[in-house]
Amino acid sequence: MTEPGSTPAPPPPPPAPGYAQPSGPSGPRASFGRRFVAILVDWIILGLVNGVLLTLLLDYDYDETGPSNVISLVVGLAYFTYFEGTARGQTPGKMALGIRVVDFNTGTSIGHGRAALRYVGRLLSTIPCLLGYFWMLWDREKQTWHDKIATDVVVPVDAYPLP
């Protein structure tokens, strides 16, 4: 309440252009559809890289699963840790869809340590029939389990511009 003769406080700034209302209470979030297509692009890239590596390193035979699983796990960890841990916070799939990973509290990069933690959380998100991925559909902040584990959010680049 303002005193008579005093100027009222200015209203908060409007959301970024194109966003009438933030999709979460603390700001705009990337939609499930954009995140889904981005991860498909990343899985295609990882599938190609894994296929080449397994062929070159193991002379891959589809009956062998032990070494190939370890190599695939390491390649996935390196890929997501490197790309999501940079200041851009974007894998090639996220770049293509105009979304990025940022710290939940500051809106800045999550760094490589938390990006690696996020990858481990991504593995946990897949275990119960991908429930951790679908969690964002009813979560107030539109976070998956791996977002919650690493304390991050995935946002549109136009709302959170790149550094």
C-alpha atoms as a PDB file:
ATOM      1  CA  MET A   1       0.000   0.000   0.000  1.00  0.00           C
ATOM      2  CA  THR A   2       1.361   3.434  -0.903  1.00  0.00           C
ATOM      3  CA  GLU A   3       1.037   6.607   1.137  1.00  0.00           C
ATOM      4  CA  PRO A   4      -0.940   9.528  -0.282  1.00  0.00           C
ATOM      5  CA  GLY A   5       1.225  11.644  -2.571  1.00  0.00           C
ATOM      6  CA  SER A   6       3.884   8.939  -3.056  1.00  0.00           C
ATOM      7  CA  THR A   7       4.591   7.262  -6.372  1.00  0.00           C
ATOM      8  CA  PRO A   8       3.587   3.586  -6.611  1.00  0.00           C
ATOM      9  CA  ALA A   9       6.277   1.018  -7.362  1.00  0.00           C
ATOM     10  CA  PRO A  10       6.700   0.305 -11.076  1.00  0.00           C
ATOM     11  CA  PRO A  11       5.262  -2.978 -12.362  1.00  0.00           C
ATOM     12  CA  PRO A  12       7.652  -5.881 -12.996  1.00  0.00           C
ATOM     13  CA  PRO A  13       9.159  -6.033 -16.498  1.00  0.00           C
ATOM     14  CA  PRO A  14       7.132  -7.936 -19.086  1.00  0.00           C
ATOM     15  CA  PRO A  15       8.223 -11.409 -20.162  1.00  0.00           C
ATOM     16  CA  ALA A  16      10.423 -11.812 -23.232  1.00  0.00           C
ATOM     17  CA  PRO A  17       8.738 -11.067 -26.590  1.00  0.00           C
ATOM     18  CA  GLY A  18       6.426 -13.838 -27.712  1.00  0.00           C
ATOM     19  CA  TYR A  19       5.619 -14.995 -24.183  1.00  0.00           C
ATOM     20  CA  ALA A  20       2.354 -13.676 -22.788  1.00  0.00           C
ATOM     21  CA  GLN A  21       2.758 -15.629 -19.556  1.00  0.00           C
ATOM     22  CA  PRO A  22       5.768 -17.553 -18.279  1.00  0.00           C
ATOM     23  CA  SER A  23       5.148 -21.278 -18.416  1.00  0.00           C
ATOM     24  CA  GLY A  24       6.616 -21.743 -14.957  1.00  0.00           C
ATOM     25  CA  PRO A  25       6.384 -19.459 -11.972  1.00  0.00           C
ATOM     26  CA  SER A  26      10.003 -18.408 -12.330  1.00  0.00           C
ATOM     27  CA  GLY A  27      10.151 -17.895 -16.109  1.00  0.00           C
ATOM     28  CA  PRO A  28       9.656 -19.359 -19.580  1.00  0.00           C
ATOM     29  CA  ARG A  29      10.529 -23.018 -20.137  1.00  0.00           C
ATOM     30  CA  ALA A  30      11.217 -25.125 -23.200  1.00  0.00           C
ATOM     31  CA  SER A  31       8.218 -27.188 -24.227  1.00  0.00           C
ATOM     32  CA  PHE A  32       8.104 -30.956 -24.050  1.00  0.00           C
ATOM     33  CA  GLY A  33       7.956 -31.116 -27.850  1.00  0.00           C
ATOM     34  CA  ARG A  34      11.091 -29.022 -28.374  1.00  0.00           C
ATOM     35  CA  ARG A  35      12.985 -31.016 -25.763  1.00  0.00           C
ATOM     36  CA  PHE A  36      11.798 -34.302 -27.307  1.00  0.00           C
ATOM     37  CA  VAL A  37      12.962 -33.385 -30.823  1.00  0.00           C
ATOM     38  CA  ALA A  38      16.278 -32.066 -29.438  1.00  0.00           C
ATOM     39  CA  ILE A  39      17.008 -35.361 -27.657  1.00  0.00           C
ATOM     40  CA  LEU A  40      16.113 -37.288 -30.814  1.00  0.00           C
ATOM     41  CA  VAL A  41      18.697 -35.262 -32.758  1.00  0.00           C
ATOM     42  CA  ASP A  42      21.275 -35.922 -30.028  1.00  0.00           C
ATOM     43  CA  TRP A  43      20.466 -39.665 -29.983  1.00  0.00           C
ATOM     44  CA  ILE A  44      20.941 -39.855 -33.754  1.00  0.00           C
ATOM     45  CA  ILE A  45      24.331 -38.132 -33.464  1.00  0.00           C
ATOM     46  CA  LEU A  46      25.361 -40.389 -30.572  1.00  0.00           C
ATOM     47  CA  GLY A  47      24.182 -43.473 -32.466  1.00  0.00           C
ATOM     48  CA  LEU A  48      26.373 -42.573 -35.423  1.00  0.00           C
ATOM     49  CA  VAL A  49      29.393 -41.811 -33.235  1.00  0.00           C
ATOM     50  CA  ASN A  50      28.921 -45.022 -31.234  1.00  0.00           C
ATOM     51  CA  GLY A  51      28.520 -47.074 -34.411  1.00  0.00           C
ATOM     52  CA  VAL A  52      31.753 -45.731 -35.859  1.00  0.00           C
ATOM     53  CA  LEU A  53      33.674 -46.134 -32.593  1.00  0.00           C
ATOM     54  CA  LEU A  54      32.415 -49.653 -31.971  1.00  0.00           C
ATOM     55  CA  THR A  55      33.291 -50.677 -35.510  1.00  0.00           C
ATOM     56  CA  LEU A  56      36.782 -49.184 -35.299  1.00  0.00           C
ATOM     57  CA  LEU A  57      37.653 -50.188 -31.737  1.00  0.00           C
ATOM     58  CA  LEU A  58      36.001 -53.557 -31.332  1.00  0.00           C
ATOM     59  CA  ASP A  59      35.360 -54.793 -34.846  1.00  0.00           C
ATOM     60  CA  TYR A  60      31.876 -54.854 -33.355  1.00  0.00           C
ATOM     61  CA  ASP A  61      29.892 -58.073 -33.321  1.00  0.00           C
ATOM     62  CA  TYR A  62      26.264 -57.611 -32.278  1.00  0.00           C
ATOM     63  CA  ASP A  63      26.536 -60.622 -29.960  1.00  0.00           C
ATOM     64  CA  GLU A  64      28.931 -58.702 -27.701  1.00  0.00           C
ATOM     65  CA  THR A  65      27.245 -56.307 -25.307  1.00  0.00           C
ATOM     66  CA  GLY A  66      29.627 -55.694 -22.386  1.00  0.00           C
ATOM     67  CA  PRO A  67      32.340 -53.524 -23.975  1.00  0.00           C
ATOM     68  CA  SER A  68      29.890 -51.756 -26.267  1.00  0.00           C
ATOM     69  CA  ASN A  69      27.710 -50.674 -23.334  1.00  0.00           C
ATOM     70  CA  VAL A  70      30.705 -49.206 -21.517  1.00  0.00           C
ATOM     71  CA  ILE A  71      31.885 -47.353 -24.627  1.00  0.00           C
ATOM     72  CA  SER A  72      28.380 -46.019 -25.284  1.00  0.00           C
ATOM     73  CA  LEU A  73      28.070 -44.855 -21.677  1.00  0.00           C
ATOM     74  CA  VAL A  74      31.425 -43.041 -21.804  1.00  0.00           C
ATOM     75  CA  VAL A  75      30.639 -41.426 -25.172  1.00  0.00           C
ATOM     76  CA  GLY A  76      27.245 -40.230 -23.881  1.00  0.00           C
ATOM     77  CA  LEU A  77      28.793 -38.874 -20.692  1.00  0.00           C
ATOM     78  CA  ALA A  78      31.485 -37.009 -22.646  1.00  0.00           C
ATOM     79  CA  TYR A  79      28.993 -35.633 -25.187  1.00  0.00           C
ATOM     80  CA  PHE A  80      26.434 -34.261 -22.729  1.00  0.00           C
ATOM     81  CA  THR A  81      29.029 -33.102 -20.175  1.00  0.00           C
ATOM     82  CA  TYR A  82      31.003 -31.197 -22.777  1.00  0.00           C
ATOM     83  CA  PHE A  83      28.099 -29.506 -24.560  1.00  0.00           C
ATOM     84  CA  GLU A  84      25.784 -28.812 -21.633  1.00  0.00           C
ATOM     85  CA  GLY A  85      28.644 -27.709 -19.377  1.00  0.00           C
ATOM     86  CA  THR A  86      29.784 -24.885 -21.664  1.00  0.00           C
ATOM     87  CA  ALA A  87      28.596 -21.290 -21.298  1.00  0.00           C
ATOM     88  CA  ARG A  88      26.096 -21.935 -24.138  1.00  0.00           C
ATOM     89  CA  GLY A  89      24.553 -24.942 -22.343  1.00  0.00           C
ATOM     90  CA  GLN A  90      23.520 -26.509 -25.645  1.00  0.00           C
ATOM     91  CA  THR A  91      24.020 -29.851 -27.336  1.00  0.00           C
ATOM     92  CA  PRO A  92      23.700 -29.845 -31.142  1.00  0.00           C
ATOM     93  CA  GLY A  93      20.089 -30.993 -30.719  1.00  0.00           C
ATOM     94  CA  LYS A  94      19.334 -28.101 -28.373  1.00  0.00           C
ATOM     95  CA  MET A  95      21.056 -25.679 -30.773  1.00  0.00           C
ATOM     96  CA  ALA A  96      18.832 -26.881 -33.599  1.00  0.00           C
ATOM     97  CA  LEU A  97      15.693 -26.333 -31.492  1.00  0.00           C
ATOM     98  CA  GLY A  98      16.736 -23.029 -29.884  1.00  0.00           C
ATOM     99  CA  ILE A  99      16.818 -24.207 -26.275  1.00  0.00           C
ATOM    100  CA  ARG A 100      19.523 -24.359 -23.618  1.00  0.00           C
ATOM    101  CA  VAL A 101      20.288 -25.615 -20.104  1.00  0.00           C
ATOM    102  CA  VAL A 102      20.762 -22.968 -17.402  1.00  0.00           C
ATOM    103  CA  ASP A 103      21.143 -22.913 -13.636  1.00  0.00           C
ATOM    104  CA  PHE A 104      17.724 -22.807 -11.955  1.00  0.00           C
ATOM    105  CA  ASN A 105      18.666 -19.980  -9.575  1.00  0.00           C
ATOM    106  CA  THR A 106      20.960 -17.760 -11.648  1.00  0.00           C
ATOM    107  CA  GLY A 107      20.147 -18.429 -15.315  1.00  0.00           C
ATOM    108  CA  THR A 108      23.843 -18.994 -16.052  1.00  0.00           C
ATOM    109  CA  SER A 109      25.877 -22.020 -17.144  1.00  0.00           C
ATOM    110  CA  ILE A 110      25.724 -25.147 -15.009  1.00  0.00           C
ATOM    111  CA  GLY A 111      29.386 -26.018 -15.627  1.00  0.00           C
ATOM    112  CA  HIS A 112      30.891 -29.380 -16.501  1.00  0.00           C
ATOM    113  CA  GLY A 113      30.573 -30.956 -13.038  1.00  0.00           C
ATOM    114  CA  ARG A 114      26.829 -30.426 -12.863  1.00  0.00           C
ATOM    115  CA  ALA A 115      26.487 -31.387 -16.539  1.00  0.00           C
ATOM    116  CA  ALA A 116      28.060 -34.759 -15.668  1.00  0.00           C
ATOM    117  CA  LEU A 117      25.704 -35.083 -12.692  1.00  0.00           C
ATOM    118  CA  ARG A 118      22.819 -34.236 -15.031  1.00  0.00           C
ATOM    119  CA  TYR A 119      23.877 -37.079 -17.338  1.00  0.00           C
ATOM    120  CA  VAL A 120      23.821 -39.555 -14.434  1.00  0.00           C
ATOM    121  CA  GLY A 121      20.383 -38.193 -13.557  1.00  0.00           C
ATOM    122  CA  ARG A 122      19.350 -38.736 -17.187  1.00  0.00           C
ATOM    123  CA  LEU A 123      20.156 -42.436 -16.769  1.00  0.00           C
ATOM    124  CA  LEU A 124      17.982 -42.531 -13.640  1.00  0.00           C
ATOM    125  CA  SER A 125      15.181 -40.779 -15.557  1.00  0.00           C
ATOM    126  CA  THR A 126      15.066 -43.658 -18.059  1.00  0.00           C
ATOM    127  CA  ILE A 127      14.851 -46.549 -15.582  1.00  0.00           C
ATOM    128  CA  PRO A 128      11.122 -46.499 -14.707  1.00  0.00           C
ATOM    129  CA  CYS A 129       9.735 -46.466 -18.281  1.00  0.00           C
ATOM    130  CA  LEU A 130      11.102 -42.949 -18.967  1.00  0.00           C
ATOM    131  CA  LEU A 131       9.010 -41.532 -16.114  1.00  0.00           C
ATOM    132  CA  GLY A 132      11.777 -39.057 -15.253  1.00  0.00           C
ATOM    133  CA  TYR A 133      11.495 -37.507 -18.719  1.00  0.00           C
ATOM    134  CA  PHE A 134       7.690 -37.317 -18.655  1.00  0.00           C
ATOM    135  CA  TRP A 135       7.800 -35.743 -15.184  1.00  0.00           C
ATOM    136  CA  MET A 136       8.070 -32.296 -16.761  1.00  0.00           C
ATOM    137  CA  LEU A 137       4.540 -32.605 -18.124  1.00  0.00           C
ATOM    138  CA  TRP A 138       3.034 -32.064 -14.661  1.00  0.00           C
ATOM    139  CA  ASP A 139       5.908 -30.405 -12.801  1.00  0.00           C
ATOM    140  CA  ARG A 140       5.294 -26.750 -11.954  1.00  0.00           C
ATOM    141  CA  GLU A 141       8.779 -25.727 -13.146  1.00  0.00           C
ATOM    142  CA  LYS A 142       8.703 -28.090 -16.167  1.00  0.00           C
ATOM    143  CA  GLN A 143      11.699 -30.024 -14.816  1.00  0.00           C
ATOM    144  CA  THR A 144      12.618 -33.634 -15.496  1.00  0.00           C
ATOM    145  CA  TRP A 145      14.281 -35.702 -12.789  1.00  0.00           C
ATOM    146  CA  HIS A 146      17.725 -34.986 -14.224  1.00  0.00           C
ATOM    147  CA  ASP A 147      16.927 -31.239 -14.176  1.00  0.00           C
ATOM    148  CA  LYS A 148      15.984 -31.512 -10.506  1.00  0.00           C
ATOM    149  CA  ILE A 149      19.114 -33.529  -9.649  1.00  0.00           C
ATOM    150  CA  ALA A 150      21.401 -30.938 -11.275  1.00  0.00           C
ATOM    151  CA  THR A 151      19.252 -27.938 -10.187  1.00  0.00           C
ATOM    152  CA  ASP A 152      18.779 -26.646 -13.715  1.00  0.00           C
ATOM    153  CA  VAL A 153      16.046 -25.820 -16.209  1.00  0.00           C
ATOM    154  CA  VAL A 154      15.812 -25.983 -20.003  1.00  0.00           C
ATOM    155  CA  VAL A 155      14.732 -22.672 -21.467  1.00  0.00           C
ATOM    156  CA  PRO A 156      14.173 -21.056 -24.861  1.00  0.00           C
ATOM    157  CA  VAL A 157      17.238 -19.159 -26.084  1.00  0.00           C
ATOM    158  CA  ASP A 158      15.156 -16.112 -27.000  1.00  0.00           C
ATOM    159  CA  ALA A 159      14.104 -15.753 -23.343  1.00  0.00           C
ATOM    160  CA  TYR A 160      17.602 -16.425 -21.980  1.00  0.00           C
ATOM    161  CA  PRO A 161      20.058 -15.120 -24.615  1.00  0.00           C
ATOM    162  CA  LEU A 162      23.404 -16.797 -25.140  1.00  0.00           C
ATOM    163  CA  PRO A 163      26.493 -15.202 -23.567  1.00  0.00           C
END
